[in-house]
């Protein structure tokens, strides 16, 4: 699982009937700088991705998402998804690993 921030919505003119009840979100992956507050905008230099969401996440929300084959696990039939939101984060605490020897 990875942490991401929802930065937008995707509007579809037509969606597969198996995906009813959810929607697509534009998600910005969050790295160490974003999670520790060193990048106050919350927007990383990484690319954004599109994730399916049926939890009700909205713009500005922090989520956990999974990518790849794991994104298809909640569906009964093979579903063409690259990423899916799996949790809404109310609060979190991130402590980067300490470097040392």
N, C-alpha and C. Protein backbone atom coordinates (compact mmCIF):
# COMPACT_ATOMS: atom_id res chain seq x y z
N UNK A 1 0.83 -1.17 0.00
CA UNK A 1 0.00 0.00 0.00
C UNK A 1 0.88 1.24 0.00
N UNK A 2 0.36 2.27 -0.63
CA UNK A 2 1.06 3.55 -0.71
C UNK A 2 0.13 4.67 -0.29
N UNK A 3 0.71 5.77 0.17
CA UNK A 3 -0.07 6.93 0.57
C UNK A 3 -0.17 7.88 -0.62
N UNK A 4 -1.37 8.42 -0.83
CA UNK A 4 -1.57 9.40 -1.90
C UNK A 4 -2.54 10.48 -1.45
N UNK A 5 -2.50 11.61 -2.14
CA UNK A 5 -3.43 12.71 -1.89
C UNK A 5 -4.28 12.88 -3.14
N UNK A 6 -5.60 12.94 -2.94
CA UNK A 6 -6.52 13.12 -4.06
C UNK A 6 -6.43 14.58 -4.52
N UNK A 7 -6.12 14.77 -5.81
CA UNK A 7 -5.98 16.13 -6.34
C UNK A 7 -7.00 16.44 -7.43
N UNK A 8 -7.85 15.48 -7.78
CA UNK A 8 -8.85 15.75 -8.80
C UNK A 8 -9.75 14.56 -9.07
N UNK A 9 -10.77 14.79 -9.88
CA UNK A 9 -11.72 13.76 -10.29
C UNK A 9 -11.60 13.54 -11.78
N UNK A 10 -11.97 12.35 -12.22
CA UNK A 10 -12.01 12.03 -13.64
C UNK A 10 -13.47 11.85 -14.00
N UNK A 11 -13.90 12.50 -15.07
CA UNK A 11 -15.28 12.37 -15.53
C UNK A 11 -15.31 11.48 -16.76
N UNK A 12 -16.14 10.46 -16.71
CA UNK A 12 -16.25 9.52 -17.82
C UNK A 12 -17.59 9.72 -18.52
N UNK A 13 -17.59 9.61 -19.83
CA UNK A 13 -18.86 9.69 -20.55
C UNK A 13 -19.57 8.34 -20.53
N UNK A 14 -18.80 7.27 -20.33
CA UNK A 14 -19.37 5.93 -20.25
C UNK A 14 -18.45 5.06 -19.41
N UNK A 15 -19.01 4.30 -18.50
CA UNK A 15 -18.20 3.41 -17.65
C UNK A 15 -18.73 1.99 -17.73
N UNK A 16 -17.87 1.04 -17.54
CA UNK A 16 -18.25 -0.36 -17.50
C UNK A 16 -19.27 -0.58 -16.39
N UNK A 17 -20.29 -1.37 -16.65
CA UNK A 17 -21.35 -1.59 -15.65
C UNK A 17 -20.82 -2.24 -14.38
N UNK A 18 -19.71 -2.96 -14.45
CA UNK A 18 -19.12 -3.59 -13.27
C UNK A 18 -18.48 -2.60 -12.33
N UNK A 19 -18.30 -1.36 -12.78
CA UNK A 19 -17.66 -0.34 -11.94
C UNK A 19 -18.66 0.68 -11.40
N UNK A 20 -19.93 0.38 -11.49
CA UNK A 20 -20.93 1.30 -10.96
C UNK A 20 -20.79 1.39 -9.45
N UNK A 21 -21.08 2.57 -8.92
CA UNK A 21 -20.98 2.78 -7.49
C UNK A 21 -19.67 3.40 -7.07
N UNK A 22 -18.76 3.52 -8.00
CA UNK A 22 -17.47 4.12 -7.69
C UNK A 22 -17.15 5.20 -8.72
N UNK A 23 -15.98 5.77 -8.58
CA UNK A 23 -15.54 6.78 -9.54
C UNK A 23 -14.03 6.77 -9.61
N UNK A 24 -13.49 7.54 -10.52
CA UNK A 24 -12.05 7.61 -10.69
C UNK A 24 -11.52 8.92 -10.14
N UNK A 25 -10.38 8.83 -9.46
CA UNK A 25 -9.75 10.00 -8.84
C UNK A 25 -8.33 10.16 -9.37
N UNK A 26 -7.88 11.40 -9.45
CA UNK A 26 -6.48 11.69 -9.76
C UNK A 26 -5.76 11.75 -8.42
N UNK A 27 -4.72 10.92 -8.26
CA UNK A 27 -4.02 10.79 -6.98
C UNK A 27 -2.55 11.13 -7.16
N UNK A 28 -2.02 11.95 -6.24
CA UNK A 28 -0.61 12.31 -6.23
C UNK A 28 0.08 11.45 -5.17
N UNK A 29 1.03 10.59 -5.57
CA UNK A 29 1.77 9.80 -4.58
C UNK A 29 2.47 10.72 -3.58
N UNK A 30 2.52 10.31 -2.32
CA UNK A 30 3.15 11.09 -1.27
C UNK A 30 4.43 10.40 -0.82
N UNK A 31 5.54 11.13 -0.89
CA UNK A 31 6.83 10.61 -0.46
C UNK A 31 7.19 11.14 0.91
N UNK A 32 8.42 10.92 1.33
CA UNK A 32 8.87 11.32 2.66
C UNK A 32 8.72 12.81 2.90
N UNK A 33 9.03 13.65 1.91
CA UNK A 33 8.92 15.10 2.10
C UNK A 33 7.48 15.54 2.33
N UNK A 34 6.55 14.92 1.62
CA UNK A 34 5.14 15.27 1.80
C UNK A 34 4.61 14.75 3.13
N UNK A 35 5.02 13.55 3.51
CA UNK A 35 4.52 12.94 4.74
C UNK A 35 5.08 13.58 6.00
N UNK A 36 6.24 14.21 5.90
CA UNK A 36 6.83 14.87 7.08
C UNK A 36 6.57 16.37 7.10
N UNK A 37 5.86 16.89 6.10
CA UNK A 37 5.54 18.31 6.07
C UNK A 37 6.64 19.18 5.50
N UNK A 38 7.70 18.60 4.96
CA UNK A 38 8.79 19.38 4.37
C UNK A 38 8.38 19.98 3.02
N UNK A 39 7.33 19.46 2.43
CA UNK A 39 6.77 20.00 1.20
C UNK A 39 5.33 20.40 1.51
N UNK A 40 5.10 21.64 1.97
CA UNK A 40 3.78 22.04 2.45
C UNK A 40 2.68 21.99 1.40
N UNK A 41 3.02 22.06 0.11
CA UNK A 41 1.97 22.00 -0.91
C UNK A 41 1.36 20.60 -0.99
N UNK A 42 2.10 19.58 -0.56
CA UNK A 42 1.62 18.21 -0.63
C UNK A 42 1.71 17.62 -2.03
N UNK A 43 2.21 18.41 -2.98
CA UNK A 43 2.34 17.93 -4.35
C UNK A 43 3.79 17.54 -4.59
N UNK A 44 3.99 16.29 -4.88
CA UNK A 44 5.36 15.80 -5.09
C UNK A 44 5.79 16.06 -6.53
N UNK A 45 7.04 15.77 -6.80
CA UNK A 45 7.55 15.89 -8.16
C UNK A 45 7.20 14.66 -8.99
N UNK A 46 6.56 13.69 -8.36
CA UNK A 46 6.19 12.45 -9.04
C UNK A 46 5.00 12.71 -9.98
N UNK A 47 4.75 11.78 -10.82
CA UNK A 47 3.60 11.85 -11.69
C UNK A 47 2.35 11.49 -10.90
N UNK A 48 1.21 11.90 -11.37
CA UNK A 48 -0.06 11.53 -10.73
C UNK A 48 -0.60 10.26 -11.40
N UNK A 49 -1.48 9.58 -10.71
CA UNK A 49 -2.10 8.38 -11.26
C UNK A 49 -3.61 8.47 -11.10
N UNK A 50 -4.30 7.60 -11.80
CA UNK A 50 -5.76 7.54 -11.70
C UNK A 50 -6.10 6.26 -10.94
N UNK A 51 -6.92 6.40 -9.90
CA UNK A 51 -7.30 5.25 -9.07
C UNK A 51 -8.83 5.17 -8.99
N UNK A 52 -9.33 3.95 -9.00
CA UNK A 52 -10.76 3.71 -8.79
C UNK A 52 -11.05 3.85 -7.30
N UNK A 53 -12.18 4.47 -6.97
CA UNK A 53 -12.55 4.67 -5.57
C UNK A 53 -14.03 4.38 -5.37
N UNK A 54 -14.35 3.53 -4.42
CA UNK A 54 -15.74 3.32 -4.04
C UNK A 54 -15.92 3.57 -2.54
N UNK A 55 -14.96 4.31 -1.94
CA UNK A 55 -15.01 4.63 -0.52
C UNK A 55 -15.54 6.04 -0.26
N UNK A 56 -15.58 6.88 -1.29
CA UNK A 56 -16.08 8.23 -1.13
C UNK A 56 -15.00 9.28 -0.89
N UNK A 57 -13.78 9.02 -1.30
CA UNK A 57 -12.71 10.00 -1.14
C UNK A 57 -12.99 11.22 -2.02
N UNK A 58 -12.51 12.37 -1.56
CA UNK A 58 -12.69 13.60 -2.32
C UNK A 58 -11.39 14.36 -2.44
N UNK A 59 -11.41 15.42 -3.22
CA UNK A 59 -10.22 16.24 -3.43
C UNK A 59 -9.70 16.74 -2.08
N UNK A 60 -8.39 16.58 -1.87
CA UNK A 60 -7.74 16.98 -0.62
C UNK A 60 -7.61 15.86 0.39
N UNK A 61 -8.30 14.74 0.19
CA UNK A 61 -8.21 13.62 1.13
C UNK A 61 -6.92 12.84 0.94
N UNK A 62 -6.41 12.32 2.04
CA UNK A 62 -5.28 11.40 2.01
C UNK A 62 -5.84 9.98 2.00
N UNK A 63 -5.29 9.14 1.13
CA UNK A 63 -5.77 7.77 0.99
C UNK A 63 -4.60 6.80 0.98
N UNK A 64 -4.91 5.53 1.17
CA UNK A 64 -3.98 4.44 0.86
C UNK A 64 -4.49 3.82 -0.42
N UNK A 65 -3.58 3.48 -1.32
CA UNK A 65 -3.98 2.84 -2.57
C UNK A 65 -3.02 1.70 -2.87
N UNK A 66 -3.50 0.78 -3.70
CA UNK A 66 -2.66 -0.31 -4.18
C UNK A 66 -2.70 -0.27 -5.71
N UNK A 67 -1.63 -0.79 -6.31
CA UNK A 67 -1.52 -0.81 -7.76
C UNK A 67 -1.34 -2.24 -8.25
N UNK A 68 -1.50 -2.42 -9.54
CA UNK A 68 -1.22 -3.70 -10.17
C UNK A 68 -2.32 -4.72 -9.95
N UNK A 69 -1.92 -5.98 -9.92
CA UNK A 69 -2.88 -7.09 -9.80
C UNK A 69 -3.72 -6.98 -8.52
N UNK A 70 -3.15 -6.43 -7.46
CA UNK A 70 -3.89 -6.29 -6.20
C UNK A 70 -5.10 -5.37 -6.36
N UNK A 71 -5.05 -4.44 -7.30
CA UNK A 71 -6.16 -3.52 -7.52
C UNK A 71 -7.41 -4.25 -8.01
N UNK A 72 -7.24 -5.40 -8.63
CA UNK A 72 -8.38 -6.16 -9.15
C UNK A 72 -8.97 -7.12 -8.14
N UNK A 73 -8.35 -7.32 -7.00
CA UNK A 73 -8.78 -8.32 -6.03
C UNK A 73 -10.21 -8.16 -5.53
N UNK A 74 -10.73 -6.94 -5.31
CA UNK A 74 -12.09 -6.82 -4.79
C UNK A 74 -13.18 -7.22 -5.77
N UNK A 75 -12.85 -7.45 -7.02
CA UNK A 75 -13.86 -7.70 -8.04
C UNK A 75 -13.97 -9.18 -8.36
N UNK A 76 -15.20 -9.59 -8.61
CA UNK A 76 -15.48 -10.98 -8.91
C UNK A 76 -14.89 -11.40 -10.27
N UNK A 77 -14.95 -10.51 -11.24
CA UNK A 77 -14.44 -10.78 -12.58
C UNK A 77 -13.21 -9.93 -12.82
N UNK A 78 -12.37 -10.36 -13.74
CA UNK A 78 -11.18 -9.60 -14.10
C UNK A 78 -11.59 -8.19 -14.53
N UNK A 79 -11.06 -7.19 -13.84
CA UNK A 79 -11.44 -5.81 -14.07
C UNK A 79 -10.20 -5.00 -14.42
N UNK A 80 -10.25 -4.24 -15.50
CA UNK A 80 -9.06 -3.50 -15.94
C UNK A 80 -8.79 -2.25 -15.11
N UNK A 81 -8.08 -2.43 -13.99
CA UNK A 81 -7.72 -1.32 -13.12
C UNK A 81 -6.22 -1.34 -12.87
N UNK A 82 -5.63 -0.17 -12.79
CA UNK A 82 -4.22 -0.07 -12.42
C UNK A 82 -4.04 0.26 -10.96
N UNK A 83 -5.03 0.96 -10.36
CA UNK A 83 -4.92 1.36 -8.95
C UNK A 83 -6.32 1.48 -8.35
N UNK A 84 -6.42 1.24 -7.05
CA UNK A 84 -7.69 1.36 -6.33
C UNK A 84 -7.41 1.90 -4.94
N UNK A 85 -8.29 2.78 -4.46
CA UNK A 85 -8.14 3.28 -3.09
C UNK A 85 -8.67 2.20 -2.14
N UNK A 86 -7.94 1.98 -1.05
CA UNK A 86 -8.33 0.93 -0.11
C UNK A 86 -8.59 1.46 1.30
N UNK A 87 -8.25 2.72 1.56
CA UNK A 87 -8.49 3.30 2.88
C UNK A 87 -8.45 4.82 2.80
N UNK A 88 -9.29 5.45 3.61
CA UNK A 88 -9.26 6.90 3.79
C UNK A 88 -8.50 7.17 5.08
N UNK A 89 -7.55 8.09 5.05
CA UNK A 89 -6.74 8.39 6.22
C UNK A 89 -7.26 9.64 6.92
N UNK A 90 -7.67 9.50 8.17
CA UNK A 90 -8.05 10.68 8.96
C UNK A 90 -6.80 11.38 9.46
N UNK A 91 -5.92 10.60 10.06
CA UNK A 91 -4.64 11.12 10.55
C UNK A 91 -3.58 10.06 10.32
N UNK A 92 -2.34 10.48 10.29
CA UNK A 92 -1.24 9.54 10.19
C UNK A 92 -0.01 10.16 10.81
N UNK A 93 0.92 9.32 11.15
CA UNK A 93 2.20 9.77 11.69
C UNK A 93 3.30 9.01 10.95
N UNK A 94 4.20 9.75 10.36
CA UNK A 94 5.28 9.14 9.59
C UNK A 94 6.61 9.58 10.19
N UNK A 95 7.44 8.62 10.49
CA UNK A 95 8.79 8.89 10.98
C UNK A 95 9.76 8.24 10.01
N UNK A 96 10.54 9.06 9.30
CA UNK A 96 11.48 8.46 8.34
C UNK A 96 12.51 7.60 9.06
N UNK A 97 13.02 6.59 8.38
CA UNK A 97 14.05 5.74 9.00
C UNK A 97 15.28 6.57 9.34
N UNK A 98 15.87 6.27 10.48
CA UNK A 98 17.06 6.97 10.92
C UNK A 98 18.27 6.36 10.22
N UNK A 99 19.09 7.22 9.63
CA UNK A 99 20.32 6.71 9.03
C UNK A 99 21.40 6.71 10.11
N UNK A 100 22.17 5.70 10.12
CA UNK A 100 23.22 5.59 11.14
C UNK A 100 23.91 4.26 11.04
N UNK A 101 24.85 4.10 11.86
CA UNK A 101 25.59 2.86 11.75
C UNK A 101 25.93 2.25 13.03
